[in-house]
Amino acid sequence: MDEFEPFLSIGVALGVGLLIGLQREQAAAPEEQHRFGFLGGARTHPLFALAGALSVLLAESVGPWVIGVVLGALLVLVGLAYVASTRRGEVRALTSEAALLVTFLLGALAMSPDVLDTPW
């Protein structure tokens, strides 16, 4: 099972990202998706979860700082999208942005060592 654990962890991360993305798509009303920009759905959230999982995998060989760099880069992109949408006059809350952050962290957690081997 040890040799397949990274693949299982990546699958868990993608599954979590897909579930969160589907929920975010369902929470946004269709008219809001067309009238305003839509941040994060069934494609974006799995990518953020995958970025979290792969950064933890990469951190094993490069160093733990890579997780912070990847997270920082993604937060810059999310921040730029938030600023651009507010400049267009869109009224936005931070729920979608917070969901993207949580998705990244859950993806990183799924790839962390021994998470799937909990004793309970």
C-alpha atoms as a PDB file:
ATOM      1  CA  MET A   1       0.000   0.000   0.000  1.00  0.00           C
ATOM      2  CA  ASP A   2       2.958   2.289   0.591  1.00  0.00           C
ATOM      3  CA  GLU A   3       3.813   2.692  -3.083  1.00  0.00           C
ATOM      4  CA  PHE A   4       0.226   3.639  -3.963  1.00  0.00           C
ATOM      5  CA  GLU A   5      -0.338   6.014  -1.046  1.00  0.00           C
ATOM      6  CA  PRO A   6       0.637   9.188  -2.984  1.00  0.00           C
ATOM      7  CA  PHE A   7      -1.882   8.335  -5.700  1.00  0.00           C
ATOM      8  CA  LEU A   8      -4.592   7.693  -3.128  1.00  0.00           C
ATOM      9  CA  SER A   9      -3.768  10.967  -1.391  1.00  0.00           C
ATOM     10  CA  ILE A  10      -3.916  12.894  -4.667  1.00  0.00           C
ATOM     11  CA  GLY A  11      -7.263  11.237  -5.408  1.00  0.00           C
ATOM     12  CA  VAL A  12      -8.579  12.285  -1.993  1.00  0.00           C
ATOM     13  CA  ALA A  13      -7.365  15.848  -2.573  1.00  0.00           C
ATOM     14  CA  LEU A  14      -9.022  16.001  -6.004  1.00  0.00           C
ATOM     15  CA  GLY A  15     -12.243  14.526  -4.604  1.00  0.00           C
ATOM     16  CA  VAL A  16     -12.379  17.098  -1.812  1.00  0.00           C
ATOM     17  CA  GLY A  17     -11.696  19.893  -4.283  1.00  0.00           C
ATOM     18  CA  LEU A  18     -14.405  18.627  -6.611  1.00  0.00           C
ATOM     19  CA  LEU A  19     -16.969  18.447  -3.809  1.00  0.00           C
ATOM     20  CA  ILE A  20     -16.184  21.962  -2.632  1.00  0.00           C
ATOM     21  CA  GLY A  21     -16.247  23.248  -6.209  1.00  0.00           C
ATOM     22  CA  LEU A  22     -19.623  21.648  -6.915  1.00  0.00           C
ATOM     23  CA  GLN A  23     -21.029  23.166  -3.736  1.00  0.00           C
ATOM     24  CA  ARG A  24     -19.731  26.622  -4.682  1.00  0.00           C
ATOM     25  CA  GLU A  25     -21.331  26.311  -8.135  1.00  0.00           C
ATOM     26  CA  GLN A  26     -24.655  25.322  -6.600  1.00  0.00           C
ATOM     27  CA  ALA A  27     -24.481  28.176  -4.072  1.00  0.00           C
ATOM     28  CA  ALA A  28     -24.059  30.819  -6.798  1.00  0.00           C
ATOM     29  CA  ALA A  29     -27.283  31.805  -8.477  1.00  0.00           C
ATOM     30  CA  PRO A  30     -27.180  31.401 -12.282  1.00  0.00           C
ATOM     31  CA  GLU A  31     -27.861  35.078 -12.924  1.00  0.00           C
ATOM     32  CA  GLU A  32     -24.945  36.028 -10.655  1.00  0.00           C
ATOM     33  CA  GLN A  33     -22.637  33.684 -12.562  1.00  0.00           C
ATOM     34  CA  HIS A  34     -23.398  35.448 -15.841  1.00  0.00           C
ATOM     35  CA  ARG A  35     -23.720  39.014 -14.591  1.00  0.00           C
ATOM     36  CA  PHE A  36     -20.718  38.946 -12.256  1.00  0.00           C
ATOM     37  CA  GLY A  37     -17.503  37.036 -12.443  1.00  0.00           C
ATOM     38  CA  PHE A  38     -17.632  33.593 -10.884  1.00  0.00           C
ATOM     39  CA  LEU A  39     -14.633  32.584  -8.813  1.00  0.00           C
ATOM     40  CA  GLY A  40     -14.034  28.934  -8.197  1.00  0.00           C
ATOM     41  CA  GLY A  41     -16.156  26.032  -9.272  1.00  0.00           C
ATOM     42  CA  ALA A  42     -15.795  22.387 -10.184  1.00  0.00           C
ATOM     43  CA  ARG A  43     -12.607  23.086 -12.144  1.00  0.00           C
ATOM     44  CA  THR A  44     -10.846  25.650  -9.967  1.00  0.00           C
ATOM     45  CA  HIS A  45     -11.188  23.986  -6.572  1.00  0.00           C
ATOM     46  CA  PRO A  46      -9.705  20.630  -7.632  1.00  0.00           C
ATOM     47  CA  LEU A  47      -6.765  22.552  -9.108  1.00  0.00           C
ATOM     48  CA  PHE A  48      -6.201  24.349  -5.801  1.00  0.00           C
ATOM     49  CA  ALA A  49      -6.412  21.031  -3.933  1.00  0.00           C
ATOM     50  CA  LEU A  50      -3.977  19.491  -6.405  1.00  0.00           C
ATOM     51  CA  ALA A  51      -1.611  22.435  -5.942  1.00  0.00           C
ATOM     52  CA  GLY A  52      -1.713  21.865  -2.169  1.00  0.00           C
ATOM     53  CA  ALA A  53      -1.072  18.141  -2.521  1.00  0.00           C
ATOM     54  CA  LEU A  54       1.736  18.548  -5.038  1.00  0.00           C
ATOM     55  CA  SER A  55       3.411  21.268  -2.987  1.00  0.00           C
ATOM     56  CA  VAL A  56       3.564  18.905   0.007  1.00  0.00           C
ATOM     57  CA  LEU A  57       4.920  16.176  -2.254  1.00  0.00           C
ATOM     58  CA  LEU A  58       7.524  18.579  -3.625  1.00  0.00           C
ATOM     59  CA  ALA A  59       8.388  19.777  -0.116  1.00  0.00           C
ATOM     60  CA  GLU A  60       9.720  16.319   0.722  1.00  0.00           C
ATOM     61  CA  SER A  61      12.596  16.787  -1.710  1.00  0.00           C
ATOM     62  CA  VAL A  62      13.005  20.574  -1.894  1.00  0.00           C
ATOM     63  CA  GLY A  63      12.027  21.816   1.546  1.00  0.00           C
ATOM     64  CA  PRO A  64       8.928  22.930   3.435  1.00  0.00           C
ATOM     65  CA  TRP A  65       9.244  26.510   2.209  1.00  0.00           C
ATOM     66  CA  VAL A  66       7.793  25.474  -1.163  1.00  0.00           C
ATOM     67  CA  ILE A  67       4.332  25.056   0.431  1.00  0.00           C
ATOM     68  CA  GLY A  68       4.359  28.688   1.540  1.00  0.00           C
ATOM     69  CA  VAL A  69       5.587  29.881  -1.859  1.00  0.00           C
ATOM     70  CA  VAL A  70       2.847  28.002  -3.723  1.00  0.00           C
ATOM     71  CA  LEU A  71       0.196  29.184  -1.262  1.00  0.00           C
ATOM     72  CA  GLY A  72       1.461  32.761  -1.530  1.00  0.00           C
ATOM     73  CA  ALA A  73       1.397  32.662  -5.335  1.00  0.00           C
ATOM     74  CA  LEU A  74      -2.157  31.344  -5.368  1.00  0.00           C
ATOM     75  CA  LEU A  75      -3.274  33.936  -2.818  1.00  0.00           C
ATOM     76  CA  VAL A  76      -1.802  36.684  -5.007  1.00  0.00           C
ATOM     77  CA  LEU A  77      -3.848  35.402  -7.959  1.00  0.00           C
ATOM     78  CA  VAL A  78      -7.008  35.228  -5.845  1.00  0.00           C
ATOM     79  CA  GLY A  79      -6.337  38.708  -4.478  1.00  0.00           C
ATOM     80  CA  LEU A  80      -5.886  40.119  -7.972  1.00  0.00           C
ATOM     81  CA  ALA A  81      -9.168  38.534  -9.065  1.00  0.00           C
ATOM     82  CA  TYR A  82     -10.900  40.034  -6.023  1.00  0.00           C
ATOM     83  CA  VAL A  83      -9.504  43.509  -6.703  1.00  0.00           C
ATOM     84  CA  ALA A  84     -10.455  43.307 -10.399  1.00  0.00           C
ATOM     85  CA  SER A  85     -14.024  42.293  -9.609  1.00  0.00           C
ATOM     86  CA  THR A  86     -14.508  45.023  -7.007  1.00  0.00           C
ATOM     87  CA  ARG A  87     -13.156  47.618  -9.447  1.00  0.00           C
ATOM     88  CA  ARG A  88     -15.833  46.531 -11.919  1.00  0.00           C
ATOM     89  CA  GLY A  89     -18.404  47.401  -9.277  1.00  0.00           C
ATOM     90  CA  GLU A  90     -19.291  43.862  -8.276  1.00  0.00           C
ATOM     91  CA  VAL A  91     -20.419  43.370  -4.722  1.00  0.00           C
ATOM     92  CA  ARG A  92     -18.409  40.455  -3.377  1.00  0.00           C
ATOM     93  CA  ALA A  93     -17.999  38.673  -0.123  1.00  0.00           C
ATOM     94  CA  LEU A  94     -14.885  36.691   0.713  1.00  0.00           C
ATOM     95  CA  THR A  95     -16.595  33.305   0.923  1.00  0.00           C
ATOM     96  CA  SER A  96     -15.293  31.995  -2.397  1.00  0.00           C
ATOM     97  CA  GLU A  97     -11.789  33.218  -1.674  1.00  0.00           C
ATOM     98  CA  ALA A  98     -11.843  31.596   1.778  1.00  0.00           C
ATOM     99  CA  ALA A  99     -13.135  28.371   0.221  1.00  0.00           C
ATOM    100  CA  LEU A 100     -10.170  28.359  -2.171  1.00  0.00           C
ATOM    101  CA  LEU A 101      -7.784  28.759   0.756  1.00  0.00           C
ATOM    102  CA  VAL A 102      -9.453  25.908   2.655  1.00  0.00           C
ATOM    103  CA  THR A 103      -9.354  23.751  -0.477  1.00  0.00           C
ATOM    104  CA  PHE A 104      -5.601  24.280  -0.809  1.00  0.00           C
ATOM    105  CA  LEU A 105      -5.061  23.423   2.849  1.00  0.00           C
ATOM    106  CA  LEU A 106      -7.210  20.293   2.620  1.00  0.00           C
ATOM    107  CA  GLY A 107      -5.265  19.186  -0.440  1.00  0.00           C
ATOM    108  CA  ALA A 108      -2.026  19.704   1.474  1.00  0.00           C
ATOM    109  CA  LEU A 109      -3.430  17.809   4.444  1.00  0.00           C
ATOM    110  CA  ALA A 110      -4.452  14.892   2.244  1.00  0.00           C
ATOM    111  CA  MET A 111      -0.859  14.516   1.045  1.00  0.00           C
ATOM    112  CA  SER A 112       0.721  14.914   4.473  1.00  0.00           C
ATOM    113  CA  PRO A 113       2.456  11.789   5.733  1.00  0.00           C
ATOM    114  CA  ASP A 114       0.492   9.346   7.868  1.00  0.00           C
ATOM    115  CA  VAL A 115      -2.798  11.239   7.596  1.00  0.00           C
ATOM    116  CA  LEU A 116      -4.553   8.200   6.151  1.00  0.00           C
ATOM    117  CA  ASP A 117      -3.002   5.923   8.807  1.00  0.00           C
ATOM    118  CA  THR A 118      -4.823   7.400  11.793  1.00  0.00           C
ATOM    119  CA  PRO A 119      -5.355   4.936  14.654  1.00  0.00           C
ATOM    120  CA  TRP A 120      -9.017   5.816  15.116  1.00  0.00           C
END
